[in-house]
C-alpha atoms as a PDB file:
ATOM      1  CA  ARG A   1     112.223-126.657  16.100  1.00  0.00           C
ATOM      2  CA  THR A   2     115.256-124.423  16.330  1.00  0.00           C
ATOM      3  CA  PHE A   3     118.283-126.309  17.585  1.00  0.00           C
ATOM      4  CA  ASP A   4     117.775-127.741  21.048  1.00  0.00           C
ATOM      5  CA  ILE A   5     121.402-128.280  21.991  1.00  0.00           C
ATOM      6  CA  GLY A   6     122.857-128.367  25.486  1.00  0.00           C
ATOM      7  CA  GLY A   7     121.729-130.007  28.692  1.00  0.00           C
ATOM      8  CA  ASP A   8     121.431-133.675  27.709  1.00  0.00           C
ATOM      9  CA  LYS A   9     121.891-133.036  23.947  1.00  0.00           C
ATOM     10  CA  PHE A  10     125.363-132.488  22.511  1.00  0.00           C
ATOM     11  CA  VAL A  11     126.974-131.847  19.121  1.00  0.00           C
ATOM     12  CA  SER A  12     130.639-131.375  18.335  1.00  0.00           C
ATOM     13  CA  THR A  13     129.949-128.088  16.510  1.00  0.00           C
ATOM     14  CA  PHE A  14     129.279-126.251  19.767  1.00  0.00           C
ATOM     15  CA  GLN A  15     131.874-126.088  22.494  1.00  0.00           C
ATOM     16  CA  VAL A  16     129.669-125.473  25.520  1.00  0.00           C
ATOM     17  CA  PRO A  17     131.696-124.915  28.700  1.00  0.00           C
ATOM     18  CA  PRO A  18     131.112-127.409  31.540  1.00  0.00           C
ATOM     19  CA  GLU A  19     128.359-126.364  33.936  1.00  0.00           C
ATOM     20  CA  MET A  20     127.349-127.538  37.389  1.00  0.00           C
ATOM     21  CA  ASN A  21     123.751-127.987  36.225  1.00  0.00           C
ATOM     22  CA  PRO A  22     123.606-128.096  32.411  1.00  0.00           C
ATOM     23  CA  MET A  23     119.823-128.625  32.339  1.00  0.00           C
ATOM     24  CA  LEU A  24     119.489-125.117  33.779  1.00  0.00           C
ATOM     25  CA  GLY A  25     122.375-123.657  31.830  1.00  0.00           C
ATOM     26  CA  LEU A  26     123.348-122.565  28.335  1.00  0.00           C
ATOM     27  CA  ARG A  27     121.043-124.638  26.151  1.00  0.00           C
ATOM     28  CA  ALA A  28     118.346-124.428  23.493  1.00  0.00           C
ATOM     29  CA  VAL A  29     117.279-120.844  22.715  1.00  0.00           C
ATOM     30  CA  ARG A  30     119.770-119.451  25.225  1.00  0.00           C
ATOM     31  CA  LEU A  31     122.628-121.091  23.379  1.00  0.00           C
ATOM     32  CA  ALA A  32     121.195-120.041  20.016  1.00  0.00           C
ATOM     33  CA  LEU A  33     120.964-116.387  21.008  1.00  0.00           C
ATOM     34  CA  SER A  34     124.502-116.479  22.392  1.00  0.00           C
ATOM     35  CA  ARG A  35     125.728-117.498  18.901  1.00  0.00           C
ATOM     36  CA  PRO A  36     123.702-115.140  16.651  1.00  0.00           C
ATOM     37  CA  HIS A  37     125.817-115.684  13.526  1.00  0.00           C
ATOM     38  CA  VAL A  38     125.383-119.458  13.723  1.00  0.00           C
ATOM     39  CA  PHE A  39     121.715-119.064  14.608  1.00  0.00           C
ATOM     40  CA  LEU A  40     121.147-116.841  11.572  1.00  0.00           C
ATOM     41  CA  GLU A  41     122.532-119.540   9.271  1.00  0.00           C
ATOM     42  CA  HIS A  42     120.192-122.010  10.935  1.00  0.00           C
ATOM     43  CA  LEU A  43     117.219-119.702  10.382  1.00  0.00           C
ATOM     44  CA  ARG A  44     118.199-118.964   6.772  1.00  0.00           C
ATOM     45  CA  ALA A  45     118.149-122.693   6.050  1.00  0.00           C
ATOM     46  CA  MET A  46     114.644-122.937   7.509  1.00  0.00           C
ATOM     47  CA  VAL A  47     113.507-119.935   5.480  1.00  0.00           C
ATOM     48  CA  ARG A  48     114.852-121.484   2.269  1.00  0.00           C
ATOM     49  CA  ALA A  49     113.084-124.751   3.098  1.00  0.00           C
ATOM     50  CA  SER A  50     109.793-122.861   3.414  1.00  0.00           C
ATOM     51  CA  ALA A  51     109.653-122.562  -0.371  1.00  0.00           C
ATOM     52  CA  TYR A  52     109.180-126.330  -0.619  1.00  0.00           C
ATOM     53  CA  GLY A  53     106.677-127.122   2.117  1.00  0.00           C
ATOM     54  CA  ASP A  54     104.654-126.035   5.121  1.00  0.00           C
ATOM     55  CA  VAL A  55     107.362-124.765   7.464  1.00  0.00           C
ATOM     56  CA  ARG A  56     106.564-123.562  10.957  1.00  0.00           C
ATOM     57  CA  ILE A  57     109.326-122.681  13.392  1.00  0.00           C
ATOM     58  CA  MET A  58     109.206-123.451  17.109  1.00  0.00           C
ATOM     59  CA  ILE A  59     111.503-122.088  19.825  1.00  0.00           C
ATOM     60  CA  PRO A  60     112.430-124.571  22.586  1.00  0.00           C
ATOM     61  CA  MET A  61     112.941-123.764  26.275  1.00  0.00           C
ATOM     62  CA  ILE A  62     111.721-120.203  25.967  1.00  0.00           C
ATOM     63  CA  ALA A  63     111.219-118.384  29.254  1.00  0.00           C
ATOM     64  CA  SER A  64     110.549-114.741  28.394  1.00  0.00           C
ATOM     65  CA  LEU A  65     108.858-112.562  25.805  1.00  0.00           C
ATOM     66  CA  GLY A  66     112.197-110.868  25.255  1.00  0.00           C
ATOM     67  CA  GLU A  67     113.601-114.128  23.884  1.00  0.00           C
ATOM     68  CA  LEU A  68     110.625-114.564  21.557  1.00  0.00           C
ATOM     69  CA  ARG A  69     110.998-111.038  20.228  1.00  0.00           C
ATOM     70  CA  GLU A  70     114.743-111.426  19.752  1.00  0.00           C
ATOM     71  CA  VAL A  71     114.269-114.636  17.779  1.00  0.00           C
ATOM     72  CA  ARG A  72     111.534-113.008  15.696  1.00  0.00           C
ATOM     73  CA  GLY A  73     113.895-110.171  14.837  1.00  0.00           C
ATOM     74  CA  LEU A  74     116.564-112.634  13.699  1.00  0.00           C
ATOM     75  CA  LEU A  75     113.983-114.597  11.697  1.00  0.00           C
ATOM     76  CA  ARG A  76     112.852-111.462   9.865  1.00  0.00           C
ATOM     77  CA  ARG A  77     116.500-110.683   9.118  1.00  0.00           C
ATOM     78  CA  ALA A  78     116.989-114.212   7.784  1.00  0.00           C
ATOM     79  CA  GLU A  79     113.920-113.816   5.552  1.00  0.00           C
ATOM     80  CA  GLU A  80     115.284-110.546   4.186  1.00  0.00           C
ATOM     81  CA  ASP A  81     118.687-112.133   3.516  1.00  0.00           C
ATOM     82  CA  VAL A  82     117.132-114.996   1.556  1.00  0.00           C
ATOM     83  CA  ARG A  83     114.935-112.684  -0.505  1.00  0.00           C
ATOM     84  CA  ALA A  84     117.902-110.392  -1.174  1.00  0.00           C
ATOM     85  CA  ARG A  85     119.635-113.357  -2.820  1.00  0.00           C
ATOM     86  CA  GLY A  86     116.666-113.795  -5.132  1.00  0.00           C
ATOM     87  CA  LEU A  87     115.711-117.130  -3.597  1.00  0.00           C
ATOM     88  CA  PRO A  88     112.086-118.216  -3.133  1.00  0.00           C
ATOM     89  CA  ALA A  89     110.756-118.268   0.413  1.00  0.00           C
ATOM     90  CA  ARG A  90     107.500-117.970   2.300  1.00  0.00           C
ATOM     91  CA  GLU A  91     106.799-114.617   3.924  1.00  0.00           C
ATOM     92  CA  ASN A  92     105.971-114.318   7.622  1.00  0.00           C
ATOM     93  CA  ILE A  93     106.757-117.902   8.567  1.00  0.00           C
ATOM     94  CA  PRO A  94     104.719-118.850  11.674  1.00  0.00           C
ATOM     95  CA  LEU A  95     106.855-118.672  14.808  1.00  0.00           C
ATOM     96  CA  GLY A  96     105.664-120.645  17.825  1.00  0.00           C
ATOM     97  CA  VAL A  97     106.984-121.510  21.255  1.00  0.00           C
ATOM     98  CA  MET A  98     107.582-124.657  23.259  1.00  0.00           C
ATOM     99  CA  ILE A  99     106.037-124.274  26.703  1.00  0.00           C
ATOM    100  CA  GLU A 100     108.354-126.377  28.865  1.00  0.00           C
ATOM    101  CA  VAL A 101     109.606-123.835  31.406  1.00  0.00           C
ATOM    102  CA  PRO A 102     107.173-122.994  34.242  1.00  0.00           C
ATOM    103  CA  ALA A 103     107.723-119.259  33.686  1.00  0.00           C
ATOM    104  CA  ALA A 104     106.358-119.602  30.158  1.00  0.00           C
ATOM    105  CA  ALA A 105     103.371-121.628  31.374  1.00  0.00           C
ATOM    106  CA  VAL A 106     102.547-118.944  33.952  1.00  0.00           C
ATOM    107  CA  MET A 107     102.903-116.116  31.405  1.00  0.00           C
ATOM    108  CA  VAL A 108     101.334-118.050  28.548  1.00  0.00           C
ATOM    109  CA  ASP A 109      98.511-115.535  28.111  1.00  0.00           C
ATOM    110  CA  LEU A 110     101.129-113.051  26.892  1.00  0.00           C
ATOM    111  CA  PHE A 111     102.965-115.607  24.757  1.00  0.00           C
ATOM    112  CA  ALA A 112      99.671-116.570  23.117  1.00  0.00           C
ATOM    113  CA  GLN A 113      99.216-112.997  21.936  1.00  0.00           C
ATOM    114  CA  GLU A 114     102.565-112.941  20.119  1.00  0.00           C
ATOM    115  CA  ALA A 115     103.301-116.550  19.113  1.00  0.00           C
ATOM    116  CA  ALA A 116     101.655-118.283  16.159  1.00  0.00           C
ATOM    117  CA  PHE A 117     101.173-121.528  18.082  1.00  0.00           C
ATOM    118  CA  LEU A 118     101.939-123.176  21.424  1.00  0.00           C
ATOM    119  CA  SER A 119     103.434-126.597  22.073  1.00  0.00           C
ATOM    120  CA  LEU A 120     103.553-128.163  25.527  1.00  0.00           C
ATOM    121  CA  GLY A 121     106.830-129.968  26.187  1.00  0.00           C
ATOM    122  CA  THR A 122     105.667-132.143  29.052  1.00  0.00           C
ATOM    123  CA  ASN A 123     108.936-133.917  29.875  1.00  0.00           C
ATOM    124  CA  ASP A 124     110.856-130.784  30.803  1.00  0.00           C
ATOM    125  CA  LEU A 125     107.760-129.040  32.161  1.00  0.00           C
ATOM    126  CA  ILE A 126     107.350-131.853  34.696  1.00  0.00           C
ATOM    127  CA  GLN A 127     111.041-131.869  35.535  1.00  0.00           C
ATOM    128  CA  TYR A 128     111.313-128.125  36.085  1.00  0.00           C
ATOM    129  CA  THR A 129     107.978-127.686  37.853  1.00  0.00           C
ATOM    130  CA  LEU A 130     108.520-130.517  40.330  1.00  0.00           C
ATOM    131  CA  ALA A 131     112.291-129.945  40.664  1.00  0.00           C
ATOM    132  CA  VAL A 132     112.959-133.605  39.891  1.00  0.00           C
ATOM    133  CA  ASP A 133     115.742-134.859  37.642  1.00  0.00           C
ATOM    134  CA  ARG A 134     113.855-137.142  35.274  1.00  0.00           C
ATOM    135  CA  SER A 135     116.973-139.279  34.793  1.00  0.00           C
ATOM    136  CA  SER A 136     117.172-140.037  38.531  1.00  0.00           C
ATOM    137  CA  ARG A 137     115.930-143.535  39.303  1.00  0.00           C
ATOM    138  CA  SER A 138     115.542-142.784  42.994  1.00  0.00           C
ATOM    139  CA  LEU A 139     113.297-139.768  42.325  1.00  0.00           C
ATOM    140  CA  ALA A 140     111.425-140.963  39.246  1.00  0.00           C
ATOM    141  CA  TYR A 141     108.319-141.707  41.313  1.00  0.00           C
ATOM    142  CA  LEU A 142     107.997-137.972  42.057  1.00  0.00           C
ATOM    143  CA  ALA A 143     108.008-136.948  38.396  1.00  0.00           C
ATOM    144  CA  SER A 144     104.344-137.718  37.847  1.00  0.00           C
ATOM    145  CA  PRO A 145     102.495-136.294  34.844  1.00  0.00           C
ATOM    146  CA  PHE A 146      99.358-136.526  36.978  1.00  0.00           C
ATOM    147  CA  ASP A 147     100.544-134.046  39.594  1.00  0.00           C
ATOM    148  CA  PRO A 148      97.842-131.373  40.069  1.00  0.00           C
ATOM    149  CA  SER A 149     100.402-128.608  39.501  1.00  0.00           C
ATOM    150  CA  ILE A 150     101.160-130.019  36.056  1.00  0.00           C
ATOM    151  CA  LEU A 151      97.471-130.251  35.161  1.00  0.00           C
ATOM    152  CA  ARG A 152      96.911-126.643  36.216  1.00  0.00           C
ATOM    153  CA  LEU A 153      99.809-125.412  34.080  1.00  0.00           C
ATOM    154  CA  ILE A 154      98.524-127.427  31.131  1.00  0.00           C
ATOM    155  CA  MET A 155      95.077-125.870  31.584  1.00  0.00           C
ATOM    156  CA  ASN A 156      96.670-122.413  31.635  1.00  0.00           C
ATOM    157  CA  VAL A 157      98.125-123.114  28.211  1.00  0.00           C
ATOM    158  CA  ILE A 158      94.926-124.617  26.795  1.00  0.00           C
ATOM    159  CA  ARG A 159      92.825-121.667  27.992  1.00  0.00           C
ATOM    160  CA  ALA A 160      95.279-119.155  26.543  1.00  0.00           C
ATOM    161  CA  GLY A 161      95.249-120.974  23.229  1.00  0.00           C
ATOM    162  CA  LYS A 162      91.456-120.870  23.107  1.00  0.00           C
ATOM    163  CA  GLN A 163      91.305-117.224  24.179  1.00  0.00           C
ATOM    164  CA  TRP A 164      93.699-116.082  21.452  1.00  0.00           C
ATOM    165  CA  ASN A 165      92.733-118.725  18.874  1.00  0.00           C
ATOM    166  CA  LYS A 166      96.186-120.290  18.803  1.00  0.00           C
ATOM    167  CA  PRO A 167      96.746-124.029  18.218  1.00  0.00           C
ATOM    168  CA  VAL A 168      98.017-125.994  21.230  1.00  0.00           C
ATOM    169  CA  SER A 169      99.847-129.287  20.811  1.00  0.00           C
ATOM    170  CA  VAL A 170     101.505-131.650  23.293  1.00  0.00           C
ATOM    171  CA  CYS A 171     104.706-133.643  22.962  1.00  0.00           C
ATOM    172  CA  GLY A 172     106.620-135.764  25.436  1.00  0.00           C
ATOM    173  CA  ALA A 173     105.805-138.957  27.289  1.00  0.00           C
ATOM    174  CA  MET A 174     102.294-137.797  28.240  1.00  0.00           C
ATOM    175  CA  ALA A 175     101.235-137.719  24.591  1.00  0.00           C
ATOM    176  CA  SER A 176     102.159-141.368  24.044  1.00  0.00           C
ATOM    177  CA  ASP A 177     100.852-142.734  27.364  1.00  0.00           C
ATOM    178  CA  PRO A 178      97.306-144.103  26.811  1.00  0.00           C
ATOM    179  CA  ILE A 179      95.829-142.927  30.121  1.00  0.00           C
ATOM    180  CA  ALA A 180      97.607-139.559  30.094  1.00  0.00           C
ATOM    181  CA  ALA A 181      96.693-138.943  26.446  1.00  0.00           C
ATOM    182  CA  LEU A 182      93.009-139.530  27.201  1.00  0.00           C
ATOM    183  CA  LEU A 183      93.244-137.078  30.086  1.00  0.00           C
ATOM    184  CA  LEU A 184      94.853-134.505  27.784  1.00  0.00           C
ATOM    185  CA  LEU A 185      92.069-135.068  25.270  1.00  0.00           C
ATOM    186  CA  GLY A 186      89.517-134.381  27.991  1.00  0.00           C
ATOM    187  CA  LEU A 187      91.366-131.240  29.035  1.00  0.00           C
ATOM    188  CA  GLY A 188      91.055-129.883  25.504  1.00  0.00           C
ATOM    189  CA  VAL A 189      94.211-130.893  23.649  1.00  0.00           C
ATOM    190  CA  ARG A 190      93.585-131.753  19.993  1.00  0.00           C
ATOM    191  CA  GLU A 191      97.112-132.044  18.584  1.00  0.00           C
ATOM    192  CA  PHE A 192      99.528-134.713  19.805  1.00  0.00           C
ATOM    193  CA  SER A 193     103.158-135.281  18.844  1.00  0.00           C
ATOM    194  CA  MET A 194     104.695-138.697  19.511  1.00  0.00           C
ATOM    195  CA  GLU A 195     106.972-141.343  18.039  1.00  0.00           C
ATOM    196  CA  ALA A 196     105.431-143.181  15.110  1.00  0.00           C
ATOM    197  CA  ALA A 197     105.246-146.495  16.969  1.00  0.00           C
ATOM    198  CA  ALA A 198     102.823-145.031  19.525  1.00  0.00           C
ATOM    199  CA  ILE A 199     100.341-143.588  17.029  1.00  0.00           C
ATOM    200  CA  PRO A 200      98.191-146.698  16.379  1.00  0.00           C
ATOM    201  CA  GLU A 201      97.692-147.392  20.096  1.00  0.00           C
ATOM    202  CA  ILE A 202      96.772-143.795  20.950  1.00  0.00           C
ATOM    203  CA  LYS A 203      94.387-143.578  17.989  1.00  0.00           C
ATOM    204  CA  GLU A 204      92.674-146.750  19.176  1.00  0.00           C
ATOM    205  CA  CYS A 205      92.335-145.278  22.681  1.00  0.00           C
ATOM    206  CA  PHE A 206      90.658-142.194  21.251  1.00  0.00           C
ATOM    207  CA  ARG A 207      88.260-144.336  19.212  1.00  0.00           C
ATOM    208  CA  ARG A 208      87.065-146.218  22.276  1.00  0.00           C
ATOM    209  CA  VAL A 209      86.392-143.319  24.654  1.00  0.00           C
ATOM    210  CA  ARG A 210      83.637-140.781  24.052  1.00  0.00           C
ATOM    211  CA  LEU A 211      84.889-137.199  24.059  1.00  0.00           C
ATOM    212  CA  ALA A 212      82.155-136.131  26.488  1.00  0.00           C
ATOM    213  CA  ASP A 213      83.264-138.863  28.898  1.00  0.00           C
ATOM    214  CA  ALA A 214      86.908-137.804  28.644  1.00  0.00           C
ATOM    215  CA  GLU A 215      85.914-134.212  29.357  1.00  0.00           C
ATOM    216  CA  ALA A 216      83.899-135.260  32.418  1.00  0.00           C
ATOM    217  CA  VAL A 217      86.842-137.263  33.773  1.00  0.00           C
ATOM    218  CA  ALA A 218      89.147-134.282  33.206  1.00  0.00           C
ATOM    219  CA  VAL A 219      86.877-132.107  35.345  1.00  0.00           C
ATOM    220  CA  GLU A 220      87.085-134.676  38.143  1.00  0.00           C
ATOM    221  CA  ALA A 221      90.859-134.922  37.768  1.00  0.00           C
ATOM    222  CA  LEU A 222      91.279-131.162  38.096  1.00  0.00           C
ATOM    223  CA  ALA A 223      89.465-131.318  41.431  1.00  0.00           C
ATOM    224  CA  CYS A 224      91.915-133.884  42.857  1.00  0.00           C
ATOM    225  CA  HIS A 225      94.572-132.776  45.332  1.00  0.00           C
ATOM    226  CA  THR A 226      97.368-135.311  44.791  1.00  0.00           C
ATOM    227  CA  ALA A 227      99.014-137.098  41.877  1.00  0.00           C
ATOM    228  CA  GLU A 228      97.867-140.412  43.327  1.00  0.00           C
ATOM    229  CA  ASP A 229      94.259-139.242  43.436  1.00  0.00           C
ATOM    230  CA  VAL A 230      94.436-137.985  39.850  1.00  0.00           C
ATOM    231  CA  GLU A 231      95.941-141.219  38.583  1.00  0.00           C
ATOM    232  CA  HIS A 232      93.360-143.324  40.412  1.00  0.00           C
ATOM    233  CA  CYS A 233      90.560-141.142  39.044  1.00  0.00           C
ATOM    234  CA  VAL A 234      91.624-141.356  35.405  1.00  0.00           C
ATOM    235  CA  SER A 235      92.738-144.992  35.558  1.00  0.00           C
ATOM    236  CA  ALA A 236      89.437-146.092  37.092  1.00  0.00           C
ATOM    237  CA  ALA A 237      87.564-144.271  34.336  1.00  0.00           C
ATOM    238  CA  PHE A 238      89.650-145.200  31.307  1.00  0.00           C
ATOM    239  CA  ALA A 239      91.456-148.473  32.047  1.00  0.00           C
ATOM    240  CA  PRO A 240      88.395-150.747  31.694  1.00  0.00           C
ATOM    241  CA  GLN A 241      87.870-149.447  28.152  1.00  0.00           C
ATOM    242  CA  ILE A 242      91.474-149.900  27.036  1.00  0.00           C
ATOM    243  CA  TYR A 243      92.597-152.713  29.345  1.00  0.00           C
ATOM    244  CA  ASP A 244      93.801-154.928  26.508  1.00  0.00           C
ATOM    245  CA  LEU A 245      95.911-152.066  25.137  1.00  0.00           C
ATOM    246  CA  LEU A 246      97.492-151.476  28.544  1.00  0.00           C
ATOM    247  CA  THR A 247      98.256-155.103  29.312  1.00  0.00           C
ATOM    248  CA  GLY A 248      97.746-157.190  26.196  1.00  0.00           C
ATOM    249  CA  GLU A 249      95.606-159.483  28.330  1.00  0.00           C
ATOM    250  CA  GLY A 250      91.923-159.929  27.572  1.00  0.00           C
ATOM    251  CA  GLU A 251      89.255-157.375  26.830  1.00  0.00           C
ATOM    252  CA  THR A 252      87.825-156.438  30.246  1.00  0.00           C
ATOM    253  CA  ALA A 253      89.077-155.267  33.613  1.00  0.00           C
ATOM    254  CA  ASP A 254      87.760-154.143  36.958  1.00  0.00           C
ATOM    255  CA  LEU A 255      88.114-150.583  38.216  1.00  0.00           C
ATOM    256  CA  THR A 256      91.063-151.360  40.476  1.00  0.00           C
ATOM    257  CA  VAL A 257      93.522-152.103  37.680  1.00  0.00           C
ATOM    258  CA  GLU A 258      96.990-150.939  38.610  1.00  0.00           C
ATOM    259  CA  ARG A 259      99.430-149.247  36.263  1.00  0.00           C
ATOM    260  CA  THR A 260     102.795-147.571  36.452  1.00  0.00           C
ATOM    261  CA  SER A 261     103.024-143.855  35.716  1.00  0.00           C
ATOM    262  CA  GLN A 262     105.075-142.878  32.702  1.00  0.00           C
ATOM    263  CA  SER A 263     107.092-139.702  33.384  1.00  0.00           C
END
């Protein structure tokens, strides 16, 4: 991932001026493109690293095709600079995008034609789509990953990936939440990014639930009208099979098990 600085992430190298709403301000790819000389050094380092492993580059918080094309131009320049120095490097390093801004999710059919891969950043996608500050305790209940609007945007991305044969992955809290991860599996996601500690639990969830069943539940979830209805639908279907993983208590549960949404 190219540097994702600004908003709630800070480094002393960059002096970003104070903003009224930094989460909507100069951050991530916007900050990178505003400092092209620094960004080029960043890209050159990635290009040099490509000689020693499978390097793929992802752009965070992208909102327009113009940004993707501008970054691609700088990446090609970085590749040329490295080769001009006689250093080994991979040619045409895959350049993908993080879909975490609603504009990108709406226009994802166009991004899928030009990007090498797509990655859904669910934390910011939820925050920006629902206009809810995810750090606000008083509004946290509104930032539901099960909101129908979020599911529809996710399906937009999955369909675009299938149409243009581009890999789609998911990162963020949804990927490491057992119920949400099973819903994503049913929707068609096959690549998940999460902290290492969550991997064993999510793998066990996937072992216990048949793919056909997850897909059937996803169809039902897409027909729901509210976040509460979606959560009840998927919890009723999945919780009995993974109850011990959710609670650490016993091996069975009834269909009315309650759980707290992870945003």
